[in-house]
Amino acid sequence: MKIKEAGFDLALFLIVVLLVCTGIVMIYSSSYFTALDMTKKSGFFLQKQLLALGIGFAMMLVFSQISYWKLKKVALPFFIGVIALLLVVLVLPPIKGSSRWINIGIFGLQPSEFAKLSIIILFSAMIAGRQARIDNFSSGILPFIALLLPVNLLVLKQPDLGTASMLTAIAFFLIYIGGANFGQLALVIATFAGGAFLVIINSLYKMKRVVAWMDPFKDASGSGYHIIQSLIAIGSGGFNGLGLAQSKQKFSSLPEQYTDFIFAIICEELGFLGALFVILLYIALLWRGIYIARRAPDLFGFLMASGITFYVFVQALINISVVLNVVPVTGVPLPFISYGGCSLLVTLSSMGILLNISRYSR
């Protein structure tokens, strides 16, 4: 098979730039009051995000130039390194009640974010290398479960059920499109779903989230407060929005207004039109990701392109669904837009890999 090489996908690059620019504008708009109150500097969070953006953009360019085939060699060491970092966070003092970050001064390093990319790279390499045996349970599903379980257990220990669920979804998606036996995979998925159910019912905090999702007004000042304030912000925006920087909910009413719930501020300030613009950008990213995956010259490239596209789009879908109260609160950030240096760094690095795959076609 002859492999053609060309420039990277310009459409994907422009979509990423538009998403990142939207994020920078909305982070400043939604955080300046909190930043001023906390640090006396209205641009505190903006400056930190811009620093992460600079590093992330450089990483995207680097990965876009490095042949993606070279990632096979570092797949396992990268995965082992992530496991080591996940162990490190558990022995460090908790931050806001969770053991998820390693403070490196510039911004918090969140190993669970790197776990998403490491699973995509490692599982893609493994599936590509054992394609003839992928439909056999002992060689096609069991080895992947053996690798996924320790990562999930460490992430759940933080505790972070949302990220653990995202890691599981990425892994099962790759195994499925890689050619695993559907019946066997369905049984494994059902087992994991049962485990997630047990985790939820045995956690008072997680059960409160489920109850708040079903009826947020049952405990309007407690577990339902977060989602109620989000819905108020969305409803206040109407069709055209209140105007950029004109949000009222960001003034101490809506928690996490520049992180997990930034989409609610987008709806309030930019209205239905602004929210639709953001959603269309994610749909456009999905379109380009599928296009790149279908043209990938080999199975490894196809799986990585598919996994990266799935991870970014589904995470965006989950975040927006949470803000709209379609699903319970999970703590999953909105890719490219939510405040968070580590999330931005990993997402942009993933886009760099996708851009590199786009340079090659069959």
Protein backbone atom coordinates (compact mmCIF):
# COMPACT_ATOMS: atom_id res chain seq x y z
CA MET A 1 0.00 0.00 0.00
CA LYS A 2 1.37 3.38 -1.05
CA ILE A 3 1.27 6.10 1.61
CA LYS A 4 0.78 9.69 0.47
CA GLU A 5 2.18 12.56 2.53
CA ALA A 6 0.87 16.12 2.48
CA GLY A 7 0.40 19.11 4.79
CA PHE A 8 -1.66 18.70 7.95
CA ASP A 9 -5.41 19.27 8.06
CA LEU A 10 -5.86 23.06 8.01
CA ALA A 11 -9.61 22.83 8.76
CA LEU A 12 -8.95 20.93 12.00
CA PHE A 13 -6.26 23.42 12.98
CA LEU A 14 -8.64 26.37 12.48
CA ILE A 15 -11.39 24.62 14.48
CA VAL A 16 -8.98 24.12 17.38
CA VAL A 17 -7.86 27.78 17.19
CA LEU A 18 -11.49 28.97 17.30
CA LEU A 19 -12.26 26.75 20.31
CA VAL A 20 -9.16 27.89 22.17
CA CYS A 21 -9.86 31.57 21.44
CA THR A 22 -13.43 31.13 22.67
CA GLY A 23 -12.05 29.56 25.83
CA ILE A 24 -9.60 32.38 26.51
CA VAL A 25 -12.29 35.06 26.09
CA MET A 26 -14.82 33.20 28.25
CA ILE A 27 -12.31 32.32 30.97
CA TYR A 28 -11.50 35.99 31.46
CA SER A 29 -15.14 37.02 31.27
CA SER A 30 -16.27 34.38 33.79
CA SER A 31 -13.30 34.58 36.19
CA TYR A 32 -12.25 38.22 36.51
CA PHE A 33 -14.58 38.93 39.46
CA THR A 34 -13.43 35.84 41.36
CA ALA A 35 -9.79 36.55 40.50
CA LEU A 36 -10.14 40.15 41.70
CA ASP A 37 -11.73 38.98 44.93
CA MET A 38 -9.12 36.28 45.58
CA THR A 39 -5.90 37.86 44.32
CA LYS A 40 -6.65 41.55 43.56
CA LYS A 41 -5.67 40.77 39.95
CA SER A 42 -8.58 40.46 37.51
CA GLY A 43 -6.44 38.58 34.97
CA PHE A 44 -4.97 36.04 37.38
CA PHE A 45 -6.71 32.97 35.89
CA LEU A 46 -6.38 34.32 32.35
CA GLN A 47 -2.60 34.68 32.71
CA LYS A 48 -2.22 31.12 33.99
CA GLN A 49 -4.35 29.79 31.15
CA LEU A 50 -2.36 31.76 28.58
CA LEU A 51 0.85 30.23 29.93
CA ALA A 52 -0.64 26.74 29.62
CA LEU A 53 -1.87 27.65 26.14
CA GLY A 54 1.64 28.65 25.07
CA ILE A 55 3.08 25.34 26.28
CA GLY A 56 0.16 23.37 24.85
CA PHE A 57 0.36 25.06 21.47
CA ALA A 58 4.09 24.32 21.30
CA MET A 59 3.38 20.66 22.16
CA MET A 60 0.70 20.53 19.46
CA LEU A 61 3.17 21.78 16.86
CA VAL A 62 5.83 19.32 18.03
CA PHE A 63 3.49 16.32 17.87
CA SER A 64 2.17 17.45 14.50
CA GLN A 65 5.72 17.11 13.12
CA ILE A 66 6.77 13.85 14.81
CA SER A 67 5.69 10.75 12.83
CA TYR A 68 2.93 9.11 14.84
CA TRP A 69 4.50 5.67 14.28
CA LYS A 70 7.22 6.66 16.77
CA LEU A 71 4.60 6.78 19.53
CA LYS A 72 4.49 2.97 19.52
CA LYS A 73 7.95 2.90 21.13
CA VAL A 74 6.96 5.18 24.02
CA ALA A 75 3.41 3.84 24.53
CA LEU A 76 4.27 1.47 27.40
CA PRO A 77 6.81 3.75 29.19
CA PHE A 78 4.29 6.62 28.99
CA PHE A 79 1.58 4.41 30.49
CA ILE A 80 3.88 3.24 33.31
CA GLY A 81 4.85 6.86 34.00
CA VAL A 82 1.18 7.81 34.31
CA ILE A 83 0.62 4.94 36.77
CA ALA A 84 3.55 6.21 38.84
CA LEU A 85 2.12 9.76 38.89
CA LEU A 86 -1.30 8.43 39.89
CA LEU A 87 0.39 6.73 42.86
CA VAL A 88 2.22 9.94 43.76
CA VAL A 89 -0.95 12.05 43.99
CA LEU A 90 -2.41 9.65 46.54
CA VAL A 91 0.40 10.31 49.02
CA LEU A 92 0.28 14.10 48.62
CA PRO A 93 -1.99 16.33 50.77
CA PRO A 94 -5.52 16.54 49.28
CA ILE A 95 -6.61 19.75 47.50
CA LYS A 96 -10.29 20.66 47.98
CA GLY A 97 -10.90 17.19 49.41
CA SER A 98 -9.44 15.34 46.41
CA SER A 99 -6.04 13.85 45.61
CA ARG A 100 -5.85 14.69 41.91
CA TRP A 101 -3.08 17.26 41.46
CA ILE A 102 0.68 17.56 41.79
CA ASN A 103 1.60 21.20 42.33
CA ILE A 104 4.51 22.07 40.02
CA GLY A 105 4.28 25.83 40.54
CA ILE A 106 3.14 26.87 37.07
CA PHE A 107 -0.12 24.91 37.32
CA GLY A 108 -1.41 21.72 38.87
CA LEU A 109 -0.31 18.54 37.11
CA GLN A 110 -3.30 16.17 36.88
CA PRO A 111 -2.10 12.65 35.99
CA SER A 112 -5.62 11.42 35.22
CA GLU A 113 -5.70 13.78 32.22
CA PHE A 114 -2.54 12.17 30.85
CA ALA A 115 -4.10 8.76 31.49
CA LYS A 116 -6.66 9.41 28.73
CA LEU A 117 -3.97 9.98 26.12
CA SER A 118 -1.76 7.15 27.39
CA ILE A 119 -4.62 4.64 27.08
CA ILE A 120 -5.39 5.81 23.54
CA ILE A 121 -1.76 5.39 22.43
CA LEU A 122 -1.07 2.09 24.24
CA PHE A 123 -4.35 0.37 23.37
CA SER A 124 -4.09 1.48 19.72
CA ALA A 125 -0.57 0.02 19.50
CA MET A 126 -1.61 -3.24 21.18
CA ILE A 127 -4.73 -3.73 19.05
CA ALA A 128 -2.78 -3.02 15.85
CA GLY A 129 -0.19 -5.59 16.90
CA ARG A 130 -2.63 -8.38 17.70
CA GLN A 131 -5.35 -7.86 15.10
CA ALA A 132 -5.55 -11.58 14.26
CA ARG A 133 -6.30 -12.45 17.93
CA ILE A 134 -8.50 -9.51 18.93
CA ASP A 135 -11.75 -11.51 18.74
CA ASN A 136 -10.44 -14.00 21.31
CA PHE A 137 -11.31 -13.13 24.91
CA SER A 138 -8.01 -14.19 26.48
CA SER A 139 -5.89 -12.25 24.00
CA GLY A 140 -8.37 -9.69 22.67
CA ILE A 141 -10.10 -8.28 25.77
CA LEU A 142 -8.51 -9.66 28.94
CA PRO A 143 -5.06 -7.98 28.53
CA PHE A 144 -6.72 -4.60 28.06
CA ILE A 145 -8.91 -5.04 31.14
CA ALA A 146 -5.80 -5.99 33.12
CA LEU A 147 -4.21 -2.67 32.12
CA LEU A 148 -7.37 -0.58 32.56
CA LEU A 149 -8.29 -1.82 36.05
CA PRO A 150 -5.29 -0.45 37.99
CA VAL A 151 -5.66 2.97 36.32
CA ASN A 152 -9.37 3.07 37.12
CA LEU A 153 -8.84 1.98 40.72
CA LEU A 154 -6.21 4.68 41.27
CA VAL A 155 -8.47 7.35 39.72
CA LEU A 156 -11.44 6.18 41.80
CA LYS A 157 -9.24 6.44 44.88
CA GLN A 158 -8.77 10.20 44.24
CA PRO A 159 -11.93 10.06 44.07
CA ASP A 160 -12.97 10.81 40.47
CA LEU A 161 -15.73 8.61 39.06
CA GLY A 162 -16.25 10.95 36.08
CA THR A 163 -12.70 10.54 34.78
CA ALA A 164 -12.69 6.80 35.55
CA SER A 165 -15.88 6.45 33.49
CA MET A 166 -14.30 8.46 30.66
CA LEU A 167 -11.20 6.24 30.69
CA THR A 168 -13.41 3.15 30.55
CA ALA A 169 -15.44 4.54 27.66
CA ILE A 170 -12.27 5.33 25.68
CA ALA A 171 -10.86 1.85 26.31
CA PHE A 172 -14.04 -0.01 25.34
CA PHE A 173 -14.52 2.16 22.26
CA LEU A 174 -11.04 1.30 21.01
CA ILE A 175 -11.45 -2.40 21.77
CA TYR A 176 -14.79 -2.44 19.95
CA ILE A 177 -13.66 -0.68 16.75
CA GLY A 178 -10.50 -2.78 16.89
CA GLY A 179 -12.60 -5.88 16.19
CA ALA A 180 -13.28 -7.48 19.60
CA ASN A 181 -16.15 -9.93 19.97
CA PHE A 182 -19.24 -7.80 20.66
CA GLY A 183 -20.96 -10.33 22.92
CA GLN A 184 -17.90 -10.74 25.12
CA LEU A 185 -17.34 -6.98 25.25
CA ALA A 186 -20.99 -6.35 26.14
CA LEU A 187 -20.65 -8.69 29.10
CA VAL A 188 -17.53 -6.87 30.30
CA ILE A 189 -19.22 -3.48 29.87
CA ALA A 190 -22.20 -4.70 31.92
CA THR A 191 -19.80 -5.82 34.66
CA PHE A 192 -18.08 -2.42 34.74
CA ALA A 193 -21.48 -0.67 34.77
CA GLY A 194 -22.47 -2.79 37.76
CA GLY A 195 -19.26 -1.79 39.50
CA ALA A 196 -19.95 1.89 38.83
CA PHE A 197 -23.46 1.45 40.24
CA LEU A 198 -22.05 -0.06 43.45
CA VAL A 199 -19.58 2.83 43.76
CA ILE A 200 -22.43 5.34 43.45
CA ILE A 201 -24.84 3.72 45.91
CA ASN A 202 -22.07 3.30 48.48
CA SER A 203 -21.11 6.98 48.34
CA LEU A 204 -23.40 9.51 50.01
CA TYR A 205 -21.81 12.35 48.02
CA LYS A 206 -22.40 10.61 44.66
CA MET A 207 -25.94 9.61 45.62
CA LYS A 208 -26.71 13.26 46.41
CA ARG A 209 -25.54 14.16 42.90
CA VAL A 210 -27.91 11.61 41.39
CA VAL A 211 -30.82 12.87 43.52
CA ALA A 212 -29.97 16.48 42.57
CA TRP A 213 -29.99 15.48 38.90
CA MET A 214 -33.43 13.88 39.20
CA ASP A 215 -34.92 16.76 41.20
CA PRO A 216 -32.55 19.67 41.95
CA PHE A 217 -35.29 21.63 43.73
CA LYS A 218 -35.66 18.89 46.36
CA ASP A 219 -32.53 20.29 48.02
CA ALA A 220 -32.30 23.71 46.36
CA SER A 221 -29.82 25.17 48.84
CA GLY A 222 -27.71 22.02 49.06
CA SER A 223 -26.97 19.35 46.47
CA GLY A 224 -29.31 20.92 43.91
CA TYR A 225 -27.92 24.45 44.22
CA HIS A 226 -25.21 24.01 41.60
CA ILE A 227 -27.45 22.81 38.79
CA ILE A 228 -30.23 25.28 39.62
CA GLN A 229 -27.83 28.20 39.26
CA SER A 230 -26.61 26.71 35.99
CA LEU A 231 -30.16 26.49 34.62
CA ILE A 232 -30.85 30.07 35.73
CA ALA A 233 -27.77 31.24 33.81
CA ILE A 234 -28.85 29.34 30.69
CA GLY A 235 -32.41 30.65 30.89
CA SER A 236 -31.26 34.23 31.47
CA GLY A 237 -29.27 34.25 28.23
CA GLY A 238 -32.24 33.76 25.95
CA PHE A 239 -31.60 33.87 22.21
CA ASN A 240 -29.00 36.65 21.97
CA GLY A 241 -27.50 36.60 25.47
CA LEU A 242 -26.95 39.38 27.98
CA GLY A 243 -23.73 40.43 26.28
CA LEU A 244 -20.06 39.53 26.77
CA ALA A 245 -18.95 40.07 30.40
CA GLN A 246 -22.56 40.84 31.43
CA SER A 247 -23.26 37.59 33.28
CA LYS A 248 -24.91 37.96 36.68
CA GLN A 249 -24.51 34.34 37.76
CA LYS A 250 -20.71 34.56 37.82
CA PHE A 251 -20.88 36.97 40.76
CA SER A 252 -20.65 34.24 43.41
CA SER A 253 -23.95 32.57 42.45
CA LEU A 254 -22.72 29.81 40.12
CA PRO A 255 -19.83 27.70 41.50
CA GLU A 256 -17.10 26.49 39.09
CA GLN A 257 -18.23 29.16 36.61
CA TYR A 258 -14.91 29.25 34.76
CA THR A 259 -14.14 25.53 34.94
CA ASP A 260 -16.74 22.76 34.64
CA PHE A 261 -19.73 25.12 34.27
CA ILE A 262 -18.27 27.65 31.86
CA PHE A 263 -20.79 26.59 29.20
CA ALA A 264 -23.57 28.00 31.40
CA ILE A 265 -21.82 31.41 31.29
CA ILE A 266 -21.50 31.09 27.52
CA CYS A 267 -25.26 30.54 27.34
CA GLU A 268 -25.95 33.48 29.66
CA GLU A 269 -23.65 36.00 27.95
CA LEU A 270 -23.81 34.85 24.33
CA GLY A 271 -27.25 33.24 24.36
CA PHE A 272 -28.53 30.42 22.20
CA LEU A 273 -26.52 31.69 19.22
CA GLY A 274 -23.23 31.62 21.15
CA ALA A 275 -23.96 28.17 22.58
CA LEU A 276 -24.87 26.89 19.12
CA PHE A 277 -21.62 28.27 17.71
CA VAL A 278 -19.61 26.32 20.30
CA ILE A 279 -21.60 23.12 19.72
CA LEU A 280 -21.12 23.43 15.96
CA LEU A 281 -17.37 23.76 16.48
CA TYR A 282 -17.33 20.43 18.34
CA ILE A 283 -19.43 18.83 15.61
CA ALA A 284 -16.99 20.20 13.02
CA LEU A 285 -14.11 18.71 15.04
CA LEU A 286 -15.92 15.35 15.07
CA TRP A 287 -16.34 15.57 11.28
CA ARG A 288 -12.65 16.28 10.69
CA GLY A 289 -11.61 13.58 13.15
CA ILE A 290 -13.72 10.96 11.39
CA TYR A 291 -12.38 12.13 8.03
CA ILE A 292 -8.77 11.83 9.21
CA ALA A 293 -9.39 8.40 10.79
CA ARG A 294 -10.98 7.02 7.61
CA ARG A 295 -7.98 8.17 5.54
CA ALA A 296 -5.35 6.92 8.00
CA PRO A 297 -2.79 4.69 6.24
CA ASP A 298 -2.80 1.91 8.85
CA LEU A 299 -4.78 0.46 11.75
CA PHE A 300 -2.63 2.17 14.38
CA GLY A 301 -3.31 5.59 12.86
CA PHE A 302 -7.01 4.79 12.44
CA LEU A 303 -7.37 3.73 16.08
CA MET A 304 -5.48 6.72 17.49
CA ALA A 305 -7.38 9.22 15.33
CA SER A 306 -10.67 7.59 16.29
CA GLY A 307 -9.77 7.43 19.99
CA ILE A 308 -8.66 11.06 20.16
CA THR A 309 -11.77 12.26 18.32
CA PHE A 310 -14.01 10.14 20.55
CA TYR A 311 -12.33 11.40 23.73
CA VAL A 312 -12.63 15.10 22.89
CA PHE A 313 -16.14 15.01 21.44
CA VAL A 314 -17.67 12.74 24.09
CA GLN A 315 -16.07 14.76 26.90
CA ALA A 316 -17.57 17.93 25.40
CA LEU A 317 -20.92 16.19 25.07
CA ILE A 318 -20.83 15.04 28.70
CA ASN A 319 -19.86 18.48 30.01
CA ILE A 320 -22.63 20.24 28.08
CA SER A 321 -25.12 17.56 29.17
CA VAL A 322 -24.17 18.13 32.82
CA VAL A 323 -24.65 21.90 32.50
CA LEU A 324 -28.08 21.30 30.93
CA ASN A 325 -28.92 18.74 33.67
CA VAL A 326 -29.29 15.93 31.13
CA VAL A 327 -26.86 13.77 33.15
CA PRO A 328 -25.63 14.01 36.78
CA VAL A 329 -22.67 16.24 37.64
CA THR A 330 -19.41 14.45 36.76
CA GLY A 331 -16.66 17.05 37.06
CA VAL A 332 -15.51 16.63 33.45
CA PRO A 333 -14.13 19.87 31.89
CA LEU A 334 -15.19 21.32 28.53
CA PRO A 335 -12.24 20.64 26.16
CA PHE A 336 -10.26 23.72 25.03
CA ILE A 337 -12.63 26.08 26.88
CA SER A 338 -12.73 25.25 30.61
CA TYR A 339 -9.99 26.74 32.81
CA GLY A 340 -7.32 24.15 33.55
CA GLY A 341 -3.75 24.09 32.30
CA CYS A 342 -3.24 20.33 32.39
CA SER A 343 -6.46 19.57 30.54
CA LEU A 344 -5.57 22.12 27.84
CA LEU A 345 -2.02 20.76 27.53
CA VAL A 346 -3.20 17.18 27.01
CA THR A 347 -6.00 18.13 24.63
CA LEU A 348 -3.70 20.25 22.44
CA SER A 349 -1.07 17.49 22.44
CA SER A 350 -3.78 15.08 21.28
CA MET A 351 -4.68 17.48 18.48
CA GLY A 352 -1.02 17.53 17.46
CA ILE A 353 -1.07 13.74 17.06
CA LEU A 354 -4.31 13.98 15.07
CA LEU A 355 -2.79 16.65 12.84
CA ASN A 356 0.22 14.41 12.22
CA ILE A 357 -2.00 11.47 11.24
CA SER A 358 -3.82 13.81 8.83
CA ARG A 359 -0.56 14.31 6.92
CA TYR A 360 -0.67 10.70 5.71
CA SER A 361 -3.30 8.91 3.66
CA ARG A 362 -3.73 5.68 1.74
